[in-house]
Every structure is written in C-alpha cells, then in structure tokens.
N, C-alpha and C. Protein backbone atom coordinates (compact mmCIF):
# COMPACT_ATOMS: atom_id res chain seq x y z
N MET A 1 117.56 41.90 72.39
CA MET A 1 116.85 43.08 72.84
C MET A 1 116.73 44.05 71.68
N ASN A 2 115.62 44.70 71.58
CA ASN A 2 115.36 45.68 70.54
C ASN A 2 116.15 46.95 70.83
N LYS A 3 116.95 47.40 69.86
CA LYS A 3 117.78 48.60 70.02
C LYS A 3 116.92 49.84 70.26
N ALA A 4 115.72 49.88 69.71
CA ALA A 4 114.84 51.05 69.86
C ALA A 4 114.31 51.20 71.28
N SER A 5 114.30 50.13 72.06
CA SER A 5 113.75 50.21 73.41
C SER A 5 114.74 50.78 74.42
N ARG A 6 115.98 50.99 74.00
CA ARG A 6 117.00 51.54 74.90
C ARG A 6 116.95 53.06 74.90
N ILE A 7 117.28 53.66 76.03
CA ILE A 7 117.34 55.11 76.13
C ILE A 7 118.81 55.52 76.11
N ALA A 8 119.16 56.41 75.21
CA ALA A 8 120.52 56.94 75.13
C ALA A 8 120.70 58.02 76.19
N ILE A 9 121.80 57.95 76.93
CA ILE A 9 122.03 58.86 78.04
C ILE A 9 122.26 60.30 77.58
N ILE A 10 123.03 60.50 76.51
CA ILE A 10 123.39 61.86 76.10
C ILE A 10 122.17 62.68 75.66
N PRO A 11 121.31 62.17 74.76
CA PRO A 11 120.12 62.98 74.43
C PRO A 11 119.20 63.20 75.63
N LEU A 12 119.09 62.19 76.49
CA LEU A 12 118.25 62.35 77.68
C LEU A 12 118.85 63.40 78.62
N GLY A 13 120.16 63.36 78.81
CA GLY A 13 120.82 64.35 79.67
C GLY A 13 120.68 65.76 79.15
N MET A 14 120.87 65.93 77.84
CA MET A 14 120.73 67.26 77.25
C MET A 14 119.28 67.76 77.35
N THR A 15 118.33 66.85 77.14
CA THR A 15 116.92 67.23 77.20
C THR A 15 116.52 67.62 78.62
N LEU A 16 116.86 66.77 79.58
CA LEU A 16 116.49 67.07 80.98
C LEU A 16 117.24 68.29 81.50
N GLY A 17 118.51 68.42 81.15
CA GLY A 17 119.28 69.59 81.58
C GLY A 17 118.68 70.89 81.05
N THR A 18 118.32 70.89 79.77
CA THR A 18 117.71 72.08 79.17
C THR A 18 116.34 72.36 79.78
N PHE A 19 115.56 71.30 79.98
CA PHE A 19 114.25 71.47 80.60
C PHE A 19 114.38 72.10 82.00
N LEU A 20 115.32 71.63 82.79
CA LEU A 20 115.47 72.17 84.14
C LEU A 20 116.04 73.58 84.14
N VAL A 21 116.87 73.93 83.16
CA VAL A 21 117.37 75.31 83.04
C VAL A 21 116.21 76.25 82.72
N VAL A 22 115.34 75.84 81.80
CA VAL A 22 114.17 76.67 81.47
C VAL A 22 113.25 76.78 82.67
N THR A 23 113.01 75.67 83.37
CA THR A 23 112.16 75.68 84.55
C THR A 23 112.74 76.57 85.64
N TYR A 24 114.04 76.48 85.88
CA TYR A 24 114.72 77.32 86.87
C TYR A 24 114.56 78.80 86.52
N THR A 25 114.76 79.13 85.25
CA THR A 25 114.64 80.53 84.82
C THR A 25 113.22 81.04 85.06
N LEU A 26 112.23 80.21 84.74
CA LEU A 26 110.83 80.61 84.99
C LEU A 26 110.55 80.77 86.48
N CYS A 27 111.14 79.90 87.31
CA CYS A 27 110.96 80.02 88.77
C CYS A 27 111.58 81.30 89.30
N VAL A 28 112.75 81.66 88.80
CA VAL A 28 113.39 82.91 89.23
C VAL A 28 112.55 84.10 88.80
N LEU A 29 112.07 84.09 87.57
CA LEU A 29 111.21 85.18 87.10
C LEU A 29 109.95 85.28 87.94
N TYR A 30 109.36 84.15 88.26
CA TYR A 30 108.17 84.14 89.11
C TYR A 30 108.50 84.72 90.50
N GLY A 31 109.64 84.31 91.05
CA GLY A 31 110.05 84.81 92.35
C GLY A 31 110.30 86.31 92.34
N LEU A 32 110.82 86.83 91.23
CA LEU A 32 111.05 88.27 91.11
C LEU A 32 109.74 89.04 90.97
N LEU A 33 108.81 88.49 90.21
CA LEU A 33 107.53 89.18 89.98
C LEU A 33 106.61 89.11 91.18
N VAL A 34 106.56 87.97 91.84
CA VAL A 34 105.62 87.77 92.95
C VAL A 34 106.29 88.06 94.29
N SER A 35 107.60 87.95 94.33
CA SER A 35 108.38 88.16 95.55
C SER A 35 107.96 87.19 96.65
N ASP A 36 107.89 85.92 96.29
CA ASP A 36 107.49 84.87 97.21
C ASP A 36 108.72 84.40 97.98
N ALA A 37 108.69 84.53 99.30
CA ALA A 37 109.84 84.12 100.12
C ALA A 37 110.08 82.62 100.07
N GLY A 38 109.03 81.84 99.84
CA GLY A 38 109.18 80.39 99.74
C GLY A 38 110.05 79.98 98.57
N MET A 39 109.93 80.69 97.46
CA MET A 39 110.75 80.41 96.28
C MET A 39 112.22 80.69 96.59
N HIS A 40 112.48 81.75 97.32
CA HIS A 40 113.85 82.10 97.67
C HIS A 40 114.49 80.99 98.51
N ARG A 41 113.75 80.53 99.51
CA ARG A 41 114.28 79.48 100.39
C ARG A 41 114.47 78.17 99.63
N LEU A 42 113.52 77.83 98.78
CA LEU A 42 113.60 76.58 98.04
C LEU A 42 114.86 76.54 97.17
N LEU A 43 115.08 77.59 96.41
CA LEU A 43 116.24 77.62 95.52
C LEU A 43 117.55 77.63 96.32
N SER A 44 117.57 78.35 97.43
CA SER A 44 118.78 78.39 98.27
C SER A 44 119.06 77.02 98.89
N ASP A 45 118.01 76.29 99.26
CA ASP A 45 118.19 74.97 99.86
C ASP A 45 118.64 73.93 98.83
N LEU A 46 118.13 74.02 97.61
CA LEU A 46 118.43 73.02 96.59
C LEU A 46 119.78 73.22 95.90
N MET A 47 120.23 74.47 95.83
CA MET A 47 121.42 74.77 95.03
C MET A 47 122.50 75.43 95.88
N PRO A 48 123.53 74.67 96.24
CA PRO A 48 124.61 75.24 97.04
C PRO A 48 125.25 76.43 96.33
N GLY A 49 125.47 77.50 97.06
CA GLY A 49 126.08 78.69 96.49
C GLY A 49 125.08 79.70 95.96
N PHE A 50 123.79 79.33 95.95
CA PHE A 50 122.77 80.23 95.43
C PHE A 50 122.33 81.19 96.52
N ILE A 51 122.36 82.48 96.20
CA ILE A 51 121.88 83.54 97.11
C ILE A 51 120.89 84.37 96.31
N TRP A 52 119.73 84.64 96.87
CA TRP A 52 118.70 85.39 96.13
C TRP A 52 119.10 86.82 96.00
N ILE A 53 118.97 87.44 94.92
CA ILE A 53 119.33 87.06 93.60
C ILE A 53 120.43 88.01 93.16
N THR A 54 121.54 87.46 92.83
CA THR A 54 122.64 88.21 92.24
C THR A 54 122.96 87.53 90.91
N TRP A 55 123.63 88.24 90.02
CA TRP A 55 123.97 87.64 88.73
C TRP A 55 124.84 86.39 88.89
N PRO A 56 125.88 86.44 89.74
CA PRO A 56 126.67 85.21 89.89
C PRO A 56 125.85 84.04 90.41
N SER A 57 124.97 84.28 91.37
CA SER A 57 124.17 83.17 91.91
C SER A 57 123.14 82.70 90.90
N PHE A 58 122.64 83.58 90.04
CA PHE A 58 121.73 83.15 88.98
C PHE A 58 122.44 82.16 88.06
N PHE A 59 123.68 82.47 87.69
CA PHE A 59 124.42 81.57 86.82
C PHE A 59 124.81 80.27 87.54
N ILE A 60 125.08 80.36 88.83
CA ILE A 60 125.31 79.14 89.62
C ILE A 60 124.07 78.26 89.57
N GLY A 61 122.90 78.87 89.70
CA GLY A 61 121.65 78.12 89.62
C GLY A 61 121.44 77.48 88.26
N LEU A 62 121.82 78.19 87.20
CA LEU A 62 121.72 77.59 85.86
C LEU A 62 122.58 76.34 85.75
N VAL A 63 123.80 76.43 86.29
CA VAL A 63 124.70 75.28 86.24
C VAL A 63 124.13 74.12 87.05
N TRP A 64 123.64 74.40 88.26
CA TRP A 64 123.07 73.35 89.09
C TRP A 64 121.86 72.71 88.43
N ALA A 65 121.01 73.51 87.79
CA ALA A 65 119.83 72.96 87.12
C ALA A 65 120.25 72.00 86.02
N PHE A 66 121.26 72.38 85.24
CA PHE A 66 121.75 71.51 84.17
C PHE A 66 122.37 70.24 84.74
N VAL A 67 123.12 70.37 85.82
CA VAL A 67 123.74 69.21 86.48
C VAL A 67 122.67 68.27 87.02
N PHE A 68 121.61 68.80 87.61
CA PHE A 68 120.53 67.95 88.11
C PHE A 68 119.89 67.16 86.97
N GLY A 69 119.72 67.79 85.82
CA GLY A 69 119.17 67.08 84.66
C GLY A 69 120.04 65.92 84.24
N TRP A 70 121.36 66.16 84.22
CA TRP A 70 122.29 65.09 83.87
C TRP A 70 122.31 64.00 84.92
N TYR A 71 122.18 64.37 86.18
CA TYR A 71 122.14 63.37 87.25
C TYR A 71 120.97 62.41 87.03
N VAL A 72 119.80 62.97 86.74
CA VAL A 72 118.62 62.13 86.50
C VAL A 72 118.86 61.22 85.30
N ALA A 73 119.45 61.76 84.23
CA ALA A 73 119.70 60.96 83.03
C ALA A 73 120.68 59.82 83.31
N VAL A 74 121.75 60.13 84.03
CA VAL A 74 122.78 59.12 84.30
C VAL A 74 122.25 58.02 85.22
N VAL A 75 121.33 58.35 86.10
CA VAL A 75 120.77 57.34 86.99
C VAL A 75 119.59 56.61 86.31
N PHE A 76 118.71 57.35 85.64
CA PHE A 76 117.49 56.77 85.10
C PHE A 76 117.74 55.88 83.88
N ALA A 77 118.53 56.33 82.93
CA ALA A 77 118.70 55.59 81.66
C ALA A 77 119.24 54.18 81.87
N PRO A 78 120.30 53.98 82.67
CA PRO A 78 120.76 52.61 82.87
C PRO A 78 119.73 51.72 83.58
N ILE A 79 119.00 52.30 84.52
CA ILE A 79 117.97 51.51 85.21
C ILE A 79 116.88 51.11 84.22
N TYR A 80 116.45 52.06 83.40
CA TYR A 80 115.44 51.75 82.38
C TYR A 80 115.96 50.71 81.40
N ASN A 81 117.19 50.90 80.93
CA ASN A 81 117.77 49.97 79.96
C ASN A 81 117.94 48.57 80.55
N PHE A 82 118.15 48.49 81.85
CA PHE A 82 118.26 47.19 82.51
C PHE A 82 116.91 46.47 82.54
N PHE A 83 115.85 47.22 82.87
CA PHE A 83 114.55 46.59 83.04
C PHE A 83 113.73 46.52 81.75
N ALA A 84 114.08 47.28 80.73
CA ALA A 84 113.30 47.27 79.48
C ALA A 84 113.22 45.89 78.84
N PRO A 85 114.30 45.12 78.81
CA PRO A 85 114.18 43.79 78.21
C PRO A 85 113.22 42.86 78.96
N VAL A 86 113.08 43.06 80.25
CA VAL A 86 112.18 42.23 81.04
C VAL A 86 110.75 42.42 80.56
N GLY A 87 110.36 43.66 80.30
CA GLY A 87 109.01 43.93 79.81
C GLY A 87 108.79 43.41 78.41
N SER A 88 109.81 43.47 77.56
CA SER A 88 109.63 43.02 76.18
C SER A 88 109.57 41.49 76.06
N LYS A 89 110.19 40.77 76.99
CA LYS A 89 110.15 39.30 76.97
C LYS A 89 108.80 38.77 77.39
N SER A 90 108.12 39.49 78.25
CA SER A 90 106.82 39.02 78.74
C SER A 90 105.68 39.42 77.81
N GLY A 91 106.00 40.08 76.69
CA GLY A 91 104.96 40.45 75.74
C GLY A 91 104.44 41.85 75.93
N ASP A 92 104.87 42.53 77.01
CA ASP A 92 104.45 43.91 77.24
C ASP A 92 105.28 44.84 76.38
N ALA A 93 104.73 45.99 76.04
CA ALA A 93 105.48 46.93 75.20
C ALA A 93 106.35 47.82 76.02
C-alpha cells in the first residue's frame, strides 16, 4: 500500500477540531447579531452543558466543537485507511 494514500489521525483531528471551533464561534456571533432562536436551540441540543449565552457555556461549546472534530477524525481516518487500498488495487486513484 502506498504510504501517501493513508490519512494520519492527528493532523486530521487538529484540522477538523480547529475548523469546528471557528465554525462554532461564527455561529455564536451570528446568533448574537441576528438573535435567531433556532440557533440557540440547535447549540443547546448538540452540546451538553451549553446555555445561551454565558462565558462558561461559550467555552464549553468550544470544547465540544473541538471534541466533535476529533470524533470525526478518529472514526473517519481508520475507515478511509481500511478502504483506500481497495481503490488503489483496482487501478482507481
């Protein structure tokens, strides 16, 4: 198997975690500016301990966003690495 076709979990986890932290921060800013009740409910449903909006709950949301990114990396990378050799053996890239 080609070493380049494998996905490393740590860089993927850091990338996805950071991406979701930035996305979460933008969602909170949007919710503050627009005052959309749907955003409040969504964040409260997805992140245990999150209450709209206090400083402690904002930081809880940051932690949850980063954890969700790592969850995706830990689940996705091994699945991809398992199936990647199958595609390379059949001539697909």
